[in-house]
Amino acid sequence: MKIWSEFLEAAGVAESFLKGRRYTVTENGAVLVEGQDGVLGVGDSEVKFRYGKRVLSVKGENLKIKTLSKGFAVVCGNISGVDET
């Protein structure tokens, strides 16, 4: 599997994308999170999700989880960025 991961990295494709994990930042101040595995933390300025072996952090102000279901979430507020670590 290491060869596959190296190929995806060289091609500029995140392996998480192929496993159904992706996020979309909308123009109206929301982040749609697909493939999340659970909430790790919720605060006014940061919401963290378990994202496979990684963590997805939505940062901003006045953040709220508007929708949460198995594998899907919507975070609303003044979004300043999204980080995957």
N, C-alpha and C. Protein backbone atom coordinates (compact mmCIF):
# COMPACT_ATOMS: atom_id res chain seq x y z
N MET A 1 0.80 -1.20 0.00
CA MET A 1 0.00 0.00 0.00
C MET A 1 0.85 1.26 0.00
N LYS A 2 2.08 1.16 0.43
CA LYS A 2 2.93 2.35 0.45
C LYS A 2 3.14 2.86 -0.97
N ILE A 3 3.28 1.97 -1.93
CA ILE A 3 3.46 2.39 -3.32
C ILE A 3 2.24 3.17 -3.78
N TRP A 4 1.04 2.67 -3.43
CA TRP A 4 -0.19 3.36 -3.82
C TRP A 4 -0.25 4.76 -3.22
N SER A 5 0.11 4.90 -1.93
CA SER A 5 0.11 6.20 -1.27
C SER A 5 1.10 7.15 -1.93
N GLU A 6 2.27 6.64 -2.29
CA GLU A 6 3.28 7.46 -2.96
C GLU A 6 2.79 7.90 -4.34
N PHE A 7 2.11 7.02 -5.05
CA PHE A 7 1.56 7.36 -6.36
C PHE A 7 0.53 8.48 -6.22
N LEU A 8 -0.38 8.33 -5.26
CA LEU A 8 -1.43 9.34 -5.06
C LEU A 8 -0.82 10.69 -4.70
N GLU A 9 0.20 10.66 -3.84
CA GLU A 9 0.86 11.90 -3.45
C GLU A 9 1.53 12.56 -4.64
N ALA A 10 2.21 11.77 -5.47
CA ALA A 10 2.87 12.30 -6.66
C ALA A 10 1.86 12.86 -7.66
N ALA A 11 0.68 12.25 -7.71
CA ALA A 11 -0.36 12.70 -8.63
C ALA A 11 -1.14 13.88 -8.07
N GLY A 12 -0.87 14.24 -6.81
CA GLY A 12 -1.57 15.36 -6.20
C GLY A 12 -2.97 15.01 -5.72
N VAL A 13 -3.23 13.72 -5.49
CA VAL A 13 -4.54 13.28 -5.04
C VAL A 13 -4.41 12.75 -3.61
N ALA A 14 -5.20 13.29 -2.71
CA ALA A 14 -5.17 12.81 -1.33
C ALA A 14 -5.87 11.47 -1.26
N GLU A 15 -5.26 10.53 -0.56
CA GLU A 15 -5.86 9.20 -0.40
C GLU A 15 -7.22 9.29 0.27
N SER A 16 -7.37 10.25 1.19
CA SER A 16 -8.65 10.41 1.88
C SER A 16 -9.77 10.75 0.91
N PHE A 17 -9.45 11.45 -0.18
CA PHE A 17 -10.45 11.80 -1.19
C PHE A 17 -11.04 10.54 -1.80
N LEU A 18 -10.19 9.57 -2.07
CA LEU A 18 -10.66 8.33 -2.68
C LEU A 18 -11.45 7.47 -1.71
N LYS A 19 -11.32 7.71 -0.43
CA LYS A 19 -12.07 6.96 0.58
C LYS A 19 -13.35 7.68 0.98
N GLY A 20 -13.77 8.67 0.20
CA GLY A 20 -15.01 9.38 0.48
C GLY A 20 -14.88 10.50 1.48
N ARG A 21 -13.67 10.90 1.78
CA ARG A 21 -13.45 12.01 2.71
C ARG A 21 -13.12 13.25 1.90
N ARG A 22 -13.99 14.24 2.05
CA ARG A 22 -13.73 15.52 1.39
C ARG A 22 -14.53 16.59 2.11
N TYR A 23 -14.10 17.81 1.94
CA TYR A 23 -14.84 18.92 2.52
C TYR A 23 -14.98 20.01 1.47
N THR A 24 -16.04 20.78 1.60
CA THR A 24 -16.32 21.86 0.67
C THR A 24 -16.64 23.11 1.47
N VAL A 25 -15.96 24.20 1.15
CA VAL A 25 -16.25 25.49 1.77
C VAL A 25 -17.18 26.22 0.82
N THR A 26 -18.36 26.59 1.31
CA THR A 26 -19.34 27.26 0.46
C THR A 26 -19.19 28.77 0.55
N GLU A 27 -19.79 29.46 -0.38
CA GLU A 27 -19.72 30.92 -0.42
C GLU A 27 -20.52 31.57 0.71
N ASN A 28 -21.50 30.87 1.25
CA ASN A 28 -22.36 31.47 2.27
C ASN A 28 -21.90 31.16 3.70
N GLY A 29 -20.66 30.79 3.90
CA GLY A 29 -20.12 30.62 5.24
C GLY A 29 -20.41 29.29 5.89
N ALA A 30 -20.27 28.21 5.12
CA ALA A 30 -20.47 26.87 5.68
C ALA A 30 -19.38 25.94 5.14
N VAL A 31 -19.11 24.90 5.91
CA VAL A 31 -18.20 23.84 5.46
C VAL A 31 -18.99 22.54 5.51
N LEU A 32 -19.05 21.85 4.37
CA LEU A 32 -19.68 20.54 4.29
C LEU A 32 -18.57 19.52 4.45
N VAL A 33 -18.69 18.65 5.44
CA VAL A 33 -17.66 17.66 5.74
C VAL A 33 -18.21 16.27 5.45
N GLU A 34 -17.61 15.58 4.49
CA GLU A 34 -18.03 14.22 4.14
C GLU A 34 -16.96 13.24 4.61
N GLY A 35 -17.40 12.14 5.21
CA GLY A 35 -16.47 11.10 5.63
C GLY A 35 -15.90 11.29 7.01
N GLN A 36 -16.47 12.19 7.81
CA GLN A 36 -15.97 12.37 9.18
C GLN A 36 -16.36 11.16 10.02
N ASP A 37 -15.51 10.86 11.00
CA ASP A 37 -15.71 9.69 11.85
C ASP A 37 -16.07 10.06 13.28
N GLY A 38 -16.39 11.31 13.52
CA GLY A 38 -16.77 11.74 14.86
C GLY A 38 -16.22 13.11 15.19
N VAL A 39 -16.83 13.75 16.16
CA VAL A 39 -16.43 15.08 16.60
C VAL A 39 -15.40 14.94 17.72
N LEU A 40 -14.30 15.64 17.58
CA LEU A 40 -13.26 15.64 18.62
C LEU A 40 -13.36 16.85 19.53
N GLY A 41 -13.90 17.94 19.03
CA GLY A 41 -14.02 19.14 19.84
C GLY A 41 -14.86 20.19 19.15
N VAL A 42 -15.59 20.95 19.97
CA VAL A 42 -16.43 22.03 19.44
C VAL A 42 -16.19 23.28 20.26
N GLY A 43 -15.85 24.35 19.58
CA GLY A 43 -15.67 25.63 20.24
C GLY A 43 -16.16 26.74 19.33
N ASP A 44 -16.22 27.93 19.85
CA ASP A 44 -16.67 29.08 19.08
C ASP A 44 -15.73 29.40 17.91
N SER A 45 -14.44 29.06 18.07
CA SER A 45 -13.46 29.42 17.04
C SER A 45 -12.85 28.21 16.33
N GLU A 46 -13.19 26.98 16.76
CA GLU A 46 -12.64 25.79 16.10
C GLU A 46 -13.53 24.57 16.36
N VAL A 47 -13.76 23.81 15.29
CA VAL A 47 -14.47 22.54 15.38
C VAL A 47 -13.56 21.48 14.79
N LYS A 48 -13.32 20.39 15.53
CA LYS A 48 -12.42 19.33 15.07
C LYS A 48 -13.18 18.03 14.87
N PHE A 49 -12.85 17.36 13.75
CA PHE A 49 -13.44 16.07 13.42
C PHE A 49 -12.36 15.01 13.28
N ARG A 50 -12.68 13.79 13.68
CA ARG A 50 -11.83 12.64 13.35
C ARG A 50 -12.07 12.38 11.87
N TYR A 51 -10.99 12.23 11.12
CA TYR A 51 -11.05 12.16 9.66
C TYR A 51 -10.16 11.02 9.21
N GLY A 52 -10.60 9.79 9.48
CA GLY A 52 -9.72 8.64 9.26
C GLY A 52 -8.63 8.67 10.30
N LYS A 53 -7.39 8.61 9.87
CA LYS A 53 -6.25 8.70 10.78
C LYS A 53 -5.81 10.14 10.99
N ARG A 54 -6.54 11.06 10.42
CA ARG A 54 -6.18 12.47 10.49
C ARG A 54 -7.23 13.25 11.29
N VAL A 55 -6.98 14.54 11.43
CA VAL A 55 -7.92 15.44 12.11
C VAL A 55 -8.22 16.59 11.15
N LEU A 56 -9.51 16.89 11.00
CA LEU A 56 -9.93 18.03 10.19
C LEU A 56 -10.38 19.12 11.13
N SER A 57 -9.77 20.31 11.03
CA SER A 57 -10.09 21.44 11.89
C SER A 57 -10.71 22.54 11.05
N VAL A 58 -11.90 22.96 11.43
CA VAL A 58 -12.56 24.11 10.81
C VAL A 58 -12.34 25.28 11.76
N LYS A 59 -11.77 26.37 11.25
CA LYS A 59 -11.44 27.52 12.10
C LYS A 59 -12.22 28.75 11.64
N GLY A 60 -12.51 29.62 12.61
CA GLY A 60 -13.24 30.84 12.29
C GLY A 60 -13.82 31.45 13.55
N GLU A 61 -14.96 32.13 13.40
CA GLU A 61 -15.65 32.76 14.51
C GLU A 61 -17.12 32.37 14.48
N ASN A 62 -17.73 32.31 15.65
CA ASN A 62 -19.15 31.98 15.78
C ASN A 62 -19.50 30.66 15.10
N LEU A 63 -18.64 29.66 15.24
CA LEU A 63 -18.86 28.37 14.58
C LEU A 63 -19.89 27.54 15.33
N LYS A 64 -20.72 26.87 14.55
CA LYS A 64 -21.73 25.96 15.10
C LYS A 64 -21.87 24.77 14.16
N ILE A 65 -22.09 23.61 14.72
CA ILE A 65 -22.41 22.44 13.90
C ILE A 65 -23.91 22.50 13.64
N LYS A 66 -24.26 22.73 12.38
CA LYS A 66 -25.67 22.85 12.01
C LYS A 66 -26.29 21.49 11.77
N THR A 67 -25.53 20.58 11.15
CA THR A 67 -26.00 19.23 10.84
C THR A 67 -24.92 18.24 11.21
N LEU A 68 -25.32 17.14 11.83
CA LEU A 68 -24.37 16.09 12.16
C LEU A 68 -25.07 14.74 12.02
N SER A 69 -24.53 13.91 11.15
CA SER A 69 -25.03 12.55 10.99
C SER A 69 -23.84 11.65 10.73
N LYS A 70 -24.09 10.37 10.63
CA LYS A 70 -22.99 9.43 10.41
C LYS A 70 -22.28 9.78 9.10
N GLY A 71 -21.02 10.18 9.22
CA GLY A 71 -20.20 10.46 8.05
C GLY A 71 -20.38 11.82 7.41
N PHE A 72 -21.28 12.65 7.96
CA PHE A 72 -21.54 13.95 7.32
C PHE A 72 -21.77 15.01 8.39
N ALA A 73 -21.29 16.22 8.12
CA ALA A 73 -21.52 17.34 9.03
C ALA A 73 -21.51 18.65 8.24
N VAL A 74 -22.21 19.64 8.79
CA VAL A 74 -22.20 20.99 8.24
C VAL A 74 -21.84 21.92 9.38
N VAL A 75 -20.79 22.72 9.18
CA VAL A 75 -20.36 23.72 10.15
C VAL A 75 -20.63 25.09 9.56
N CYS A 76 -21.31 25.95 10.32
CA CYS A 76 -21.64 27.30 9.86
C CYS A 76 -20.96 28.33 10.74
N GLY A 77 -20.76 29.52 10.20
CA GLY A 77 -20.16 30.62 10.91
C GLY A 77 -19.28 31.43 9.99
N ASN A 78 -18.42 32.24 10.57
CA ASN A 78 -17.45 33.01 9.79
C ASN A 78 -16.19 32.16 9.63
N ILE A 79 -16.12 31.42 8.54
CA ILE A 79 -15.04 30.46 8.30
C ILE A 79 -13.79 31.20 7.86
N SER A 80 -12.67 30.93 8.55
CA SER A 80 -11.39 31.54 8.14
C SER A 80 -10.46 30.52 7.51
N GLY A 81 -10.71 29.23 7.74
CA GLY A 81 -9.85 28.22 7.14
C GLY A 81 -10.20 26.82 7.59
N VAL A 82 -9.66 25.85 6.84
CA VAL A 82 -9.83 24.43 7.15
C VAL A 82 -8.46 23.78 7.02
N ASP A 83 -8.07 23.03 8.05
CA ASP A 83 -6.78 22.35 8.06
C ASP A 83 -6.99 20.86 8.25
N GLU A 84 -6.21 20.07 7.53
CA GLU A 84 -6.22 18.61 7.72
C GLU A 84 -4.83 18.19 8.15
N THR A 85 -4.74 17.64 9.37
CA THR A 85 -3.43 17.22 9.89
C THR A 85 -3.47 15.77 10.31
